[in-house]
Amino acid sequence: MNGEDILAKRANYGFEKRQREIRKKKKKQEKAERKREAAESSEDAGEEPREGGPLGPSRTDRD
């Protein structure tokens, strides 16, 4: 194993890491957009957003 192999792996690692970050950022943006669209569609239907997120009220709200 010589020094060129190590450098090539490091350069490739940086590229792959950047690609993972881009995919992660894109996925996060798509999720936020879906959430925003769902909120808009529920507002259009005249529904109030539920407390506690998509699963309804949290356990502490059920008293």
Foldseek 3Di string as FASTA:
>chain_A
DDPVVVVVVVVVVVVVVVVVVVVVVVVVVVVVVVVVVVVVVCVVVVHDDAPPPPVHHDPVVPD
